[in-house]
Each structure stands twice: as C-alpha cells, then as structure tokens.
Amino acid sequence: MMKYQAVKERHYDPNTGMYTAWGIKGWQTSGSGRNVIAYIPDIFLCKRDAEHFAALCTQLNISIPHLSDVVEDYLAE
C-alpha cells in the first residue's frame, strides 16, 4: 500500500522572494524500510491543504502513475 506525506519546502522566487510551500511524497514500506517512490514539489502554500491531500491519497490508495493527474484535478477544483 502506498502512503503519502506532506513535505515542507523553502523556495525562492525572484519576484516574491523566499516562500514556504508543501509538496507530496509517496512511499512504500518494505522489509528494508521506506522506499520513496514519488515526489512532487511545490504544490500547496497551506500546510493544512497539503496534509488533507496526502491523507486523502493514502486513504484512496492512489497509485503512483496516477498521482500527477490526481494533483492536477485536485488543484483545478
């Protein structure tokens, strides 16, 4: 089963300066530990939104090949 987690990031934009954003990391647990399978940076500016999205992806067991489409659809709503 895939598990998703919100990841805090710091970025710089020449027009706005430094800002904090949140990305999504997808990982699986195996006998040798956690294996990060996917990472999409700089999706959300709000921690609560990022954590809600990560929990929803975990609950729905979103597969890695569909993660980018799910992010795009979620942000379009």
Protein backbone atom coordinates (compact mmCIF):
# COMPACT_ATOMS: atom_id res chain seq x y z
CA MET A 1 0.00 0.00 0.00
CA MET A 2 1.17 3.49 -0.84
CA LYS A 3 1.41 6.12 1.87
CA TYR A 4 1.56 9.82 1.16
CA GLN A 5 3.02 12.61 3.25
CA ALA A 6 3.10 16.40 3.03
CA VAL A 7 6.66 17.75 2.86
CA LYS A 8 7.63 21.30 3.86
CA GLU A 9 9.92 23.12 1.43
CA ARG A 10 11.59 26.51 1.12
CA HIS A 11 11.74 28.13 -2.31
CA TYR A 12 12.91 31.39 -3.80
CA ASP A 13 11.15 33.35 -6.50
CA PRO A 14 12.87 36.46 -7.87
CA ASN A 15 9.58 38.37 -7.87
CA THR A 16 8.35 37.47 -4.40
CA GLY A 17 11.45 36.29 -2.52
CA MET A 18 11.55 33.32 -0.16
CA TYR A 19 8.38 31.37 0.48
CA THR A 20 7.30 28.15 2.15
CA ALA A 21 5.47 25.55 0.11
CA TRP A 22 4.40 21.96 0.58
CA GLY A 23 5.00 19.03 -1.72
CA ILE A 24 3.75 15.45 -1.63
CA LYS A 25 5.92 12.38 -1.13
CA GLY A 26 4.68 8.86 -1.89
CA TRP A 27 6.39 5.89 -0.26
CA GLN A 28 6.00 2.20 0.40
CA THR A 29 7.17 0.21 3.39
CA SER A 30 9.13 -2.95 2.70
CA GLY A 31 11.30 -5.30 4.72
CA SER A 32 14.26 -2.97 4.21
CA GLY A 33 12.39 0.18 5.30
CA ARG A 34 10.67 3.00 3.48
CA ASN A 35 11.18 3.44 -0.24
CA VAL A 36 10.26 6.84 -1.66
CA ILE A 37 8.53 6.15 -4.96
CA ALA A 38 7.32 9.62 -5.97
CA TYR A 39 7.81 13.23 -5.02
CA ILE A 40 6.03 16.27 -6.41
CA PRO A 41 7.33 19.57 -5.01
CA ASP A 42 5.74 23.00 -4.58
CA ILE A 43 2.05 22.09 -4.82
CA PHE A 44 0.45 23.84 -1.84
CA LEU A 45 1.09 27.02 0.11
CA CYS A 46 -1.07 25.87 3.04
CA LYS A 47 0.08 23.06 5.36
CA ARG A 48 -3.50 22.04 6.19
CA ASP A 49 -4.37 21.63 2.49
CA ALA A 50 -1.23 19.58 1.86
CA GLU A 51 -1.86 17.29 4.83
CA HIS A 52 -5.51 16.83 3.84
CA PHE A 53 -4.50 15.93 0.29
CA ALA A 54 -1.81 13.48 1.46
CA ALA A 55 -4.28 11.78 3.81
CA LEU A 56 -6.87 11.54 1.04
CA CYS A 57 -4.34 10.00 -1.36
CA THR A 58 -3.35 7.44 1.28
CA GLN A 59 -6.99 6.65 2.11
CA LEU A 60 -7.87 6.19 -1.57
CA ASN A 61 -4.65 4.24 -2.22
CA ILE A 62 -3.75 6.37 -5.25
CA SER A 63 -1.24 4.61 -7.46
CA ILE A 64 1.95 6.40 -8.43
CA PRO A 65 1.22 6.54 -12.18
CA HIS A 66 -1.96 8.49 -11.39
CA LEU A 67 -0.55 10.87 -8.78
CA SER A 68 0.23 13.74 -11.17
CA ASP A 69 -3.27 13.58 -12.66
CA VAL A 70 -4.85 13.49 -9.20
CA VAL A 71 -2.82 16.55 -8.14
CA GLU A 72 -3.84 18.39 -11.29
CA ASP A 73 -7.54 17.51 -10.84
CA TYR A 74 -7.47 18.44 -7.15
CA LEU A 75 -5.97 21.85 -7.84
CA ALA A 76 -8.42 22.53 -10.69
CA GLU A 77 -11.41 22.20 -8.36
